[in-house]
Amino acid sequence: MAQNNVEVQLQKAIEMRAKVIEFSGILTERMTDLSDRLSYYVREGFPDDIEQTYRCNYYDPDNEIITDLSKRMMTDHVDFLDKVIERLRRAKDRQ
């Protein structure tokens, strides 16, 4: 039963690592989509001054936060999970 428990933990850690990578990509993708949509709306007649105010006051500061978060997820979070996965693999191999 202990071996099965380690195997389950290992599998879940691997799944979590994949989910972190996926989520990090989704965050940046959604912000890029929003930026593209704003540009499209301006081309279609949305007032440029309102778009610029929105970008400066809301989009740009939040995009900076999200970009930083995404980068930290890809480094710190993935690194942590890689270490957990390695420990679990070693524990599984000892069994």
PDB file of N, CA and C in Angstrom:
ATOM      1  N   MET A   1       0.814  -1.205   0.000  1.00  0.00           N
ATOM      2  CA  MET A   1       0.000   0.000   0.000  1.00  0.00           C
ATOM      3  C   MET A   1       0.851   1.260   0.000  1.00  0.00           C
ATOM      4  N   ALA A   2       1.994   1.247   0.710  1.00  0.00           N
ATOM      5  CA  ALA A   2       2.862   2.427   0.749  1.00  0.00           C
ATOM      6  C   ALA A   2       3.385   2.761  -0.639  1.00  0.00           C
ATOM      7  N   GLN A   3       3.721   1.733  -1.438  1.00  0.00           N
ATOM      8  CA  GLN A   3       4.216   1.964  -2.785  1.00  0.00           C
ATOM      9  C   GLN A   3       3.146   2.654  -3.628  1.00  0.00           C
ATOM     10  N   ASN A   4       1.944   2.192  -3.534  1.00  0.00           N
ATOM     11  CA  ASN A   4       0.848   2.788  -4.269  1.00  0.00           C
ATOM     12  C   ASN A   4       0.672   4.250  -3.867  1.00  0.00           C
ATOM     13  N   ASN A   5       0.804   4.553  -2.578  1.00  0.00           N
ATOM     14  CA  ASN A   5       0.650   5.913  -2.097  1.00  0.00           C
ATOM     15  C   ASN A   5       1.715   6.828  -2.717  1.00  0.00           C
ATOM     16  N   VAL A   6       2.958   6.361  -2.771  1.00  0.00           N
ATOM     17  CA  VAL A   6       4.031   7.150  -3.376  1.00  0.00           C
ATOM     18  C   VAL A   6       3.770   7.324  -4.871  1.00  0.00           C
ATOM     19  N   GLU A   7       3.304   6.283  -5.515  1.00  0.00           N
ATOM     20  CA  GLU A   7       2.994   6.372  -6.944  1.00  0.00           C
ATOM     21  C   GLU A   7       1.886   7.395  -7.202  1.00  0.00           C
ATOM     22  N   VAL A   8       0.881   7.382  -6.363  1.00  0.00           N
ATOM     23  CA  VAL A   8      -0.220   8.338  -6.503  1.00  0.00           C
ATOM     24  C   VAL A   8       0.293   9.756  -6.269  1.00  0.00           C
ATOM     25  N   GLN A   9       1.090   9.940  -5.238  1.00  0.00           N
ATOM     26  CA  GLN A   9       1.641  11.264  -4.961  1.00  0.00           C
ATOM     27  C   GLN A   9       2.507  11.753  -6.120  1.00  0.00           C
ATOM     28  N   LEU A  10       3.323  10.865  -6.671  1.00  0.00           N
ATOM     29  CA  LEU A  10       4.169  11.213  -7.808  1.00  0.00           C
ATOM     30  C   LEU A  10       3.316  11.627  -9.005  1.00  0.00           C
ATOM     31  N   GLN A  11       2.308  10.845  -9.307  1.00  0.00           N
ATOM     32  CA  GLN A  11       1.440  11.165 -10.439  1.00  0.00           C
ATOM     33  C   GLN A  11       0.748  12.505 -10.244  1.00  0.00           C
ATOM     34  N   LYS A  12       0.280  12.765  -9.049  1.00  0.00           N
ATOM     35  CA  LYS A  12      -0.412  14.033  -8.775  1.00  0.00           C
ATOM     36  C   LYS A  12       0.550  15.215  -8.841  1.00  0.00           C
ATOM     37  N   ALA A  13       1.779  15.023  -8.401  1.00  0.00           N
ATOM     38  CA  ALA A  13       2.784  16.092  -8.490  1.00  0.00           C
ATOM     39  C   ALA A  13       3.092  16.405  -9.952  1.00  0.00           C
ATOM     40  N   ILE A  14       3.196  15.372 -10.770  1.00  0.00           N
ATOM     41  CA  ILE A  14       3.428  15.563 -12.205  1.00  0.00           C
ATOM     42  C   ILE A  14       2.253  16.293 -12.844  1.00  0.00           C
ATOM     43  N   GLU A  15       1.044  15.904 -12.477  1.00  0.00           N
ATOM     44  CA  GLU A  15      -0.156  16.568 -12.995  1.00  0.00           C
ATOM     45  C   GLU A  15      -0.201  18.031 -12.550  1.00  0.00           C
ATOM     46  N   MET A  16       0.171  18.289 -11.300  1.00  0.00           N
ATOM     47  CA  MET A  16       0.172  19.658 -10.786  1.00  0.00           C
ATOM     48  C   MET A  16       1.182  20.513 -11.542  1.00  0.00           C
ATOM     49  N   ARG A  17       2.357  19.962 -11.816  1.00  0.00           N
ATOM     50  CA  ARG A  17       3.378  20.690 -12.568  1.00  0.00           C
ATOM     51  C   ARG A  17       2.833  21.077 -13.943  1.00  0.00           C
ATOM     52  N   ALA A  18       2.185  20.143 -14.615  1.00  0.00           N
ATOM     53  CA  ALA A  18       1.600  20.425 -15.929  1.00  0.00           C
ATOM     54  C   ALA A  18       0.521  21.495 -15.834  1.00  0.00           C
ATOM     55  N   LYS A  19      -0.272  21.447 -14.791  1.00  0.00           N
ATOM     56  CA  LYS A  19      -1.348  22.426 -14.609  1.00  0.00           C
ATOM     57  C   LYS A  19      -0.786  23.821 -14.359  1.00  0.00           C
ATOM     58  N   VAL A  20       0.299  23.914 -13.592  1.00  0.00           N
ATOM     59  CA  VAL A  20       0.936  25.214 -13.340  1.00  0.00           C
ATOM     60  C   VAL A  20       1.446  25.806 -14.655  1.00  0.00           C
ATOM     61  N   ILE A  21       2.096  24.986 -15.470  1.00  0.00           N
ATOM     62  CA  ILE A  21       2.609  25.455 -16.757  1.00  0.00           C
ATOM     63  C   ILE A  21       1.458  25.899 -17.661  1.00  0.00           C
ATOM     64  N   GLU A  22       0.405  25.106 -17.696  1.00  0.00           N
ATOM     65  CA  GLU A  22      -0.771  25.453 -18.508  1.00  0.00           C
ATOM     66  C   GLU A  22      -1.387  26.769 -18.040  1.00  0.00           C
ATOM     67  N   PHE A  23      -1.576  26.921 -16.739  1.00  0.00           N
ATOM     68  CA  PHE A  23      -2.210  28.115 -16.195  1.00  0.00           C
ATOM     69  C   PHE A  23      -1.356  29.353 -16.449  1.00  0.00           C
ATOM     70  N   SER A  24      -0.045  29.219 -16.314  1.00  0.00           N
ATOM     71  CA  SER A  24       0.853  30.331 -16.590  1.00  0.00           C
ATOM     72  C   SER A  24       0.679  30.816 -18.025  1.00  0.00           C
ATOM     73  N   GLY A  25       0.583  29.895 -18.942  1.00  0.00           N
ATOM     74  CA  GLY A  25       0.378  30.252 -20.340  1.00  0.00           C
ATOM     75  C   GLY A  25      -0.971  30.897 -20.590  1.00  0.00           C
ATOM     76  N   ILE A  26      -1.994  30.389 -19.926  1.00  0.00           N
ATOM     77  CA  ILE A  26      -3.336  30.952 -20.081  1.00  0.00           C
ATOM     78  C   ILE A  26      -3.371  32.398 -19.607  1.00  0.00           C
ATOM     79  N   LEU A  27      -2.707  32.688 -18.494  1.00  0.00           N
ATOM     80  CA  LEU A  27      -2.694  34.056 -17.984  1.00  0.00           C
ATOM     81  C   LEU A  27      -2.152  35.037 -19.019  1.00  0.00           C
ATOM     82  N   THR A  28      -1.000  34.732 -19.565  1.00  0.00           N
ATOM     83  CA  THR A  28      -0.390  35.655 -20.524  1.00  0.00           C
ATOM     84  C   THR A  28      -1.180  35.695 -21.836  1.00  0.00           C
ATOM     85  N   GLU A  29      -1.712  34.554 -22.227  1.00  0.00           N
ATOM     86  CA  GLU A  29      -2.510  34.503 -23.456  1.00  0.00           C
ATOM     87  C   GLU A  29      -3.753  35.379 -23.346  1.00  0.00           C
ATOM     88  N   ARG A  30      -4.414  35.332 -22.206  1.00  0.00           N
ATOM     89  CA  ARG A  30      -5.641  36.121 -22.037  1.00  0.00           C
ATOM     90  C   ARG A  30      -5.353  37.623 -22.049  1.00  0.00           C
ATOM     91  N   MET A  31      -4.229  38.012 -21.460  1.00  0.00           N
ATOM     92  CA  MET A  31      -3.878  39.432 -21.476  1.00  0.00           C
ATOM     93  C   MET A  31      -3.528  39.876 -22.896  1.00  0.00           C
ATOM     94  N   THR A  32      -2.864  39.038 -23.645  1.00  0.00           N
ATOM     95  CA  THR A  32      -2.553  39.355 -25.042  1.00  0.00           C
ATOM     96  C   THR A  32      -3.846  39.467 -25.841  1.00  0.00           C
ATOM     97  N   ASP A  33      -4.787  38.562 -25.595  1.00  0.00           N
ATOM     98  CA  ASP A  33      -6.084  38.621 -26.274  1.00  0.00           C
ATOM     99  C   ASP A  33      -6.796  39.935 -25.971  1.00  0.00           C
ATOM    100  N   LEU A  34      -6.746  40.372 -24.723  1.00  0.00           N
ATOM    101  CA  LEU A  34      -7.393  41.623 -24.344  1.00  0.00           C
ATOM    102  C   LEU A  34      -6.738  42.801 -25.052  1.00  0.00           C
ATOM    103  N   SER A  35      -5.421  42.819 -25.108  1.00  0.00           N
ATOM    104  CA  SER A  35      -4.705  43.886 -25.803  1.00  0.00           C
ATOM    105  C   SER A  35      -5.076  43.916 -27.287  1.00  0.00           C
ATOM    106  N   ASP A  36      -5.114  42.747 -27.889  1.00  0.00           N
ATOM    107  CA  ASP A  36      -5.494  42.666 -29.297  1.00  0.00           C
ATOM    108  C   ASP A  36      -6.912  43.154 -29.515  1.00  0.00           C
ATOM    109  N   ARG A  37      -7.799  42.801 -28.602  1.00  0.00           N
ATOM    110  CA  ARG A  37      -9.197  43.212 -28.709  1.00  0.00           C
ATOM    111  C   ARG A  37      -9.324  44.732 -28.591  1.00  0.00           C
ATOM    112  N   LEU A  38      -8.558  45.331 -27.666  1.00  0.00           N
ATOM    113  CA  LEU A  38      -8.571  46.790 -27.545  1.00  0.00           C
ATOM    114  C   LEU A  38      -8.120  47.457 -28.839  1.00  0.00           C
ATOM    115  N   SER A  39      -7.056  46.944 -29.414  1.00  0.00           N
ATOM    116  CA  SER A  39      -6.556  47.496 -30.680  1.00  0.00           C
ATOM    117  C   SER A  39      -7.601  47.369 -31.783  1.00  0.00           C
ATOM    118  N   TYR A  40      -8.265  46.236 -31.821  1.00  0.00           N
ATOM    119  CA  TYR A  40      -9.327  46.021 -32.805  1.00  0.00           C
ATOM    120  C   TYR A  40     -10.456  47.034 -32.611  1.00  0.00           C
ATOM    121  N   TYR A  41     -10.879  47.233 -31.368  1.00  0.00           N
ATOM    122  CA  TYR A  41     -11.967  48.177 -31.104  1.00  0.00           C
ATOM    123  C   TYR A  41     -11.601  49.595 -31.533  1.00  0.00           C
ATOM    124  N   VAL A  42     -10.357  49.994 -31.329  1.00  0.00           N
ATOM    125  CA  VAL A  42      -9.925  51.330 -31.748  1.00  0.00           C
ATOM    126  C   VAL A  42      -9.997  51.435 -33.270  1.00  0.00           C
ATOM    127  N   ARG A  43      -9.543  50.397 -33.968  1.00  0.00           N
ATOM    128  CA  ARG A  43      -9.632  50.409 -35.431  1.00  0.00           C
ATOM    129  C   ARG A  43     -11.077  50.486 -35.902  1.00  0.00           C
ATOM    130  N   GLU A  44     -11.990  49.937 -35.090  1.00  0.00           N
ATOM    131  CA  GLU A  44     -13.415  49.931 -35.451  1.00  0.00           C
ATOM    132  C   GLU A  44     -14.170  51.162 -34.950  1.00  0.00           C
ATOM    133  N   GLY A  45     -13.455  52.119 -34.348  1.00  0.00           N
ATOM    134  CA  GLY A  45     -14.107  53.369 -33.981  1.00  0.00           C
ATOM    135  C   GLY A  45     -14.158  53.695 -32.496  1.00  0.00           C
ATOM    136  N   PHE A  46     -13.681  52.810 -31.627  1.00  0.00           N
ATOM    137  CA  PHE A  46     -13.649  53.120 -30.192  1.00  0.00           C
ATOM    138  C   PHE A  46     -12.704  54.298 -29.980  1.00  0.00           C
ATOM    139  N   PRO A  47     -13.069  55.247 -29.127  1.00  0.00           N
ATOM    140  CA  PRO A  47     -12.232  56.444 -28.946  1.00  0.00           C
ATOM    141  C   PRO A  47     -10.822  56.099 -28.455  1.00  0.00           C
ATOM    142  N   ASP A  48      -9.835  56.611 -29.175  1.00  0.00           N
ATOM    143  CA  ASP A  48      -8.435  56.355 -28.881  1.00  0.00           C
ATOM    144  C   ASP A  48      -8.045  56.863 -27.495  1.00  0.00           C
ATOM    145  N   ASP A  49      -8.554  58.022 -27.106  1.00  0.00           N
ATOM    146  CA  ASP A  49      -8.181  58.580 -25.794  1.00  0.00           C
ATOM    147  C   ASP A  49      -8.697  57.713 -24.645  1.00  0.00           C
ATOM    148  N   ILE A  50      -9.862  57.128 -24.805  1.00  0.00           N
ATOM    149  CA  ILE A  50     -10.414  56.248 -23.772  1.00  0.00           C
ATOM    150  C   ILE A  50      -9.587  54.957 -23.714  1.00  0.00           C
ATOM    151  N   GLU A  51      -9.222  54.440 -24.874  1.00  0.00           N
ATOM    152  CA  GLU A  51      -8.399  53.231 -24.920  1.00  0.00           C
ATOM    153  C   GLU A  51      -7.052  53.479 -24.250  1.00  0.00           C
ATOM    154  N   GLN A  52      -6.436  54.618 -24.529  1.00  0.00           N
ATOM    155  CA  GLN A  52      -5.136  54.937 -23.927  1.00  0.00           C
ATOM    156  C   GLN A  52      -5.255  55.110 -22.411  1.00  0.00           C
ATOM    157  N   THR A  53      -6.309  55.744 -21.962  1.00  0.00           N
ATOM    158  CA  THR A  53      -6.539  55.901 -20.518  1.00  0.00           C
ATOM    159  C   THR A  53      -6.726  54.547 -19.860  1.00  0.00           C
ATOM    160  N   TYR A  54      -7.503  53.683 -20.518  1.00  0.00           N
ATOM    161  CA  TYR A  54      -7.729  52.340 -19.982  1.00  0.00           C
ATOM    162  C   TYR A  54      -6.418  51.572 -19.893  1.00  0.00           C
ATOM    163  N   ARG A  55      -5.644  51.618 -20.980  1.00  0.00           N
ATOM    164  CA  ARG A  55      -4.358  50.911 -20.974  1.00  0.00           C
ATOM    165  C   ARG A  55      -3.440  51.425 -19.866  1.00  0.00           C
ATOM    166  N   CYS A  56      -3.300  52.714 -19.756  1.00  0.00           N
ATOM    167  CA  CYS A  56      -2.379  53.301 -18.765  1.00  0.00           C
ATOM    168  C   CYS A  56      -2.829  53.047 -17.329  1.00  0.00           C
ATOM    169  N   ASN A  57      -4.118  53.171 -17.078  1.00  0.00           N
ATOM    170  CA  ASN A  57      -4.612  53.074 -15.699  1.00  0.00           C
ATOM    171  C   ASN A  57      -4.927  51.652 -15.245  1.00  0.00           C
ATOM    172  N   TYR A  58      -5.277  50.784 -16.181  1.00  0.00           N
ATOM    173  CA  TYR A  58      -5.739  49.457 -15.786  1.00  0.00           C
ATOM    174  C   TYR A  58      -4.952  48.321 -16.443  1.00  0.00           C
ATOM    175  N   TYR A  59      -4.931  48.311 -17.766  1.00  0.00           N
ATOM    176  CA  TYR A  59      -4.334  47.181 -18.467  1.00  0.00           C
ATOM    177  C   TYR A  59      -2.836  47.049 -18.186  1.00  0.00           C
ATOM    178  N   ASP A  60      -2.087  48.102 -18.422  1.00  0.00           N
ATOM    179  CA  ASP A  60      -0.623  48.017 -18.287  1.00  0.00           C
ATOM    180  C   ASP A  60      -0.177  47.618 -16.875  1.00  0.00           C
ATOM    181  N   PRO A  61      -0.716  48.248 -15.819  1.00  0.00           N
ATOM    182  CA  PRO A  61      -0.295  47.813 -14.477  1.00  0.00           C
ATOM    183  C   PRO A  61      -0.665  46.355 -14.186  1.00  0.00           C
ATOM    184  N   ASP A  62      -1.858  45.950 -14.577  1.00  0.00           N
ATOM    185  CA  ASP A  62      -2.269  44.561 -14.339  1.00  0.00           C
ATOM    186  C   ASP A  62      -1.482  43.590 -15.214  1.00  0.00           C
ATOM    187  N   ASN A  63      -1.189  43.976 -16.431  1.00  0.00           N
ATOM    188  CA  ASN A  63      -0.403  43.112 -17.311  1.00  0.00           C
ATOM    189  C   ASN A  63       1.000  42.908 -16.741  1.00  0.00           C
ATOM    190  N   GLU A  64       1.564  43.941 -16.160  1.00  0.00           N
ATOM    191  CA  GLU A  64       2.886  43.807 -15.529  1.00  0.00           C
ATOM    192  C   GLU A  64       2.839  42.808 -14.373  1.00  0.00           C
ATOM    193  N   ILE A  65       1.799  42.899 -13.562  1.00  0.00           N
ATOM    194  CA  ILE A  65       1.630  41.972 -12.440  1.00  0.00           C
ATOM    195  C   ILE A  65       1.462  40.540 -12.958  1.00  0.00           C
ATOM    196  N   ILE A  66       0.628  40.374 -13.956  1.00  0.00           N
ATOM    197  CA  ILE A  66       0.352  39.034 -14.493  1.00  0.00           C
ATOM    198  C   ILE A  66       1.595  38.458 -15.170  1.00  0.00           C
ATOM    199  N   THR A  67       2.332  39.286 -15.884  1.00  0.00           N
ATOM    200  CA  THR A  67       3.568  38.817 -16.519  1.00  0.00           C
ATOM    201  C   THR A  67       4.556  38.353 -15.458  1.00  0.00           C
ATOM    202  N   ASP A  68       4.699  39.122 -14.391  1.00  0.00           N
ATOM    203  CA  ASP A  68       5.601  38.737 -13.297  1.00  0.00           C
ATOM    204  C   ASP A  68       5.130  37.442 -12.642  1.00  0.00           C
ATOM    205  N   LEU A  69       3.838  37.344 -12.380  1.00  0.00           N
ATOM    206  CA  LEU A  69       3.289  36.134 -11.777  1.00  0.00           C
ATOM    207  C   LEU A  69       3.538  34.924 -12.665  1.00  0.00           C
ATOM    208  N   SER A  70       3.293  35.070 -13.945  1.00  0.00           N
ATOM    209  CA  SER A  70       3.499  33.975 -14.884  1.00  0.00           C
ATOM    210  C   SER A  70       4.963  33.526 -14.897  1.00  0.00           C
ATOM    211  N   LYS A  71       5.870  34.483 -14.896  1.00  0.00           N
ATOM    212  CA  LYS A  71       7.298  34.152 -14.878  1.00  0.00           C
ATOM    213  C   LYS A  71       7.675  33.429 -13.591  1.00  0.00           C
ATOM    214  N   ARG A  72       7.150  33.903 -12.458  1.00  0.00           N
ATOM    215  CA  ARG A  72       7.451  33.246 -11.182  1.00  0.00           C
ATOM    216  C   ARG A  72       6.867  31.849 -11.125  1.00  0.00           C
ATOM    217  N   MET A  73       5.715  31.657 -11.713  1.00  0.00           N
ATOM    218  CA  MET A  73       5.132  30.315 -11.753  1.00  0.00           C
ATOM    219  C   MET A  73       6.024  29.376 -12.555  1.00  0.00           C
ATOM    220  N   MET A  74       6.563  29.877 -13.669  1.00  0.00           N
ATOM    221  CA  MET A  74       7.401  29.044 -14.525  1.00  0.00           C
ATOM    222  C   MET A  74       8.773  28.770 -13.906  1.00  0.00           C
ATOM    223  N   THR A  75       9.185  29.589 -12.976  1.00  0.00           N
ATOM    224  CA  THR A  75      10.479  29.356 -12.332  1.00  0.00           C
ATOM    225  C   THR A  75      10.275  28.768 -10.941  1.00  0.00           C
ATOM    226  N   ASP A  76       9.783  29.558 -10.031  1.00  0.00           N
ATOM    227  CA  ASP A  76       9.684  29.138  -8.630  1.00  0.00           C
ATOM    228  C   ASP A  76       8.751  27.948  -8.433  1.00  0.00           C
ATOM    229  N   HIS A  77       7.568  28.031  -8.962  1.00  0.00           N
ATOM    230  CA  HIS A  77       6.575  26.973  -8.741  1.00  0.00           C
ATOM    231  C   HIS A  77       7.000  25.673  -9.414  1.00  0.00           C
ATOM    232  N   VAL A  78       7.418  25.781 -10.674  1.00  0.00           N
ATOM    233  CA  VAL A  78       7.839  24.583 -11.401  1.00  0.00           C
ATOM    234  C   VAL A  78       9.091  23.987 -10.764  1.00  0.00           C
ATOM    235  N   ASP A  79      10.025  24.844 -10.342  1.00  0.00           N
ATOM    236  CA  ASP A  79      11.236  24.356  -9.671  1.00  0.00           C
ATOM    237  C   ASP A  79      10.879  23.585  -8.397  1.00  0.00           C
ATOM    238  N   PHE A  80       9.975  24.128  -7.614  1.00  0.00           N
ATOM    239  CA  PHE A  80       9.538  23.444  -6.388  1.00  0.00           C
ATOM    240  C   PHE A  80       8.936  22.083  -6.728  1.00  0.00           C
ATOM    241  N   LEU A  81       8.050  22.060  -7.699  1.00  0.00           N
ATOM    242  CA  LEU A  81       7.400  20.802  -8.071  1.00  0.00           C
ATOM    243  C   LEU A  81       8.395  19.820  -8.667  1.00  0.00           C
ATOM    244  N   ASP A  82       9.380  20.315  -9.406  1.00  0.00           N
ATOM    245  CA  ASP A  82      10.436  19.422  -9.920  1.00  0.00           C
ATOM    246  C   ASP A  82      11.180  18.739  -8.773  1.00  0.00           C
ATOM    247  N   LYS A  83      11.450  19.492  -7.726  1.00  0.00           N
ATOM    248  CA  LYS A  83      12.143  18.917  -6.565  1.00  0.00           C
ATOM    249  C   LYS A  83      11.269  17.882  -5.860  1.00  0.00           C
ATOM    250  N   VAL A  84       9.993  18.172  -5.732  1.00  0.00           N
ATOM    251  CA  VAL A  84       9.059  17.219  -5.119  1.00  0.00           C
ATOM    252  C   VAL A  84       8.996  15.950  -5.964  1.00  0.00           C
ATOM    253  N   ILE A  85       8.893  16.123  -7.269  1.00  0.00           N
ATOM    254  CA  ILE A  85       8.823  14.966  -8.176  1.00  0.00           C
ATOM    255  C   ILE A  85      10.079  14.125  -8.055  1.00  0.00           C
ATOM    256  N   GLU A  86      11.233  14.749  -8.012  1.00  0.00           N
ATOM    257  CA  GLU A  86      12.490  14.007  -7.890  1.00  0.00           C
ATOM    258  C   GLU A  86      12.540  13.226  -6.576  1.00  0.00           C
ATOM    259  N   ARG A  87      12.124  13.841  -5.474  1.00  0.00           N
ATOM    260  CA  ARG A  87      12.107  13.143  -4.180  1.00  0.00           C
ATOM    261  C   ARG A  87      11.158  11.954  -4.208  1.00  0.00           C
ATOM    262  N   LEU A  88      10.004  12.147  -4.816  1.00  0.00           N
ATOM    263  CA  LEU A  88       9.035  11.056  -4.900  1.00  0.00           C
ATOM    264  C   LEU A  88       9.547   9.926  -5.794  1.00  0.00           C
ATOM    265  N   ARG A  89      10.231  10.275  -6.860  1.00  0.00           N
ATOM    266  CA  ARG A  89      10.805   9.229  -7.722  1.00  0.00           C
ATOM    267  C   ARG A  89      11.855   8.419  -6.968  1.00  0.00           C
ATOM    268  N   ARG A  90      12.690   9.119  -6.193  1.00  0.00           N
ATOM    269  CA  ARG A  90      13.698   8.405  -5.412  1.00  0.00           C
ATOM    270  C   ARG A  90      13.029   7.509  -4.373  1.00  0.00           C
ATOM    271  N   ALA A  91      11.988   7.997  -3.738  1.00  0.00           N
ATOM    272  CA  ALA A  91      11.270   7.191  -2.732  1.00  0.00           C
ATOM    273  C   ALA A  91      10.639   5.972  -3.402  1.00  0.00           C
ATOM    274  N   LYS A  92      10.080   6.172  -4.579  1.00  0.00           N
ATOM    275  CA  LYS A  92       9.474   5.048  -5.300  1.00  0.00           C
ATOM    276  C   LYS A  92      10.541   4.016  -5.673  1.00  0.00           C
ATOM    277  N   ASP A  93      11.698   4.484  -6.126  1.00  0.00           N
ATOM    278  CA  ASP A  93      12.779   3.564  -6.515  1.00  0.00           C
ATOM    279  C   ASP A  93      13.315   2.778  -5.331  1.00  0.00           C
ATOM    280  N   ARG A  94      13.260   3.330  -4.140  1.00  0.00           N
ATOM    281  CA  ARG A  94      13.752   2.627  -2.937  1.00  0.00           C
ATOM    282  C   ARG A  94      12.804   1.526  -2.508  1.00  0.00           C
ATOM    283  N   GLN A  95      11.581   1.603  -2.947  1.00  0.00           N
ATOM    284  CA  GLN A  95      10.582   0.610  -2.512  1.00  0.00           C
ATOM    285  C   GLN A  95      10.719  -0.695  -3.256  1.00  0.00           C
TER     286      GLN A  95
END
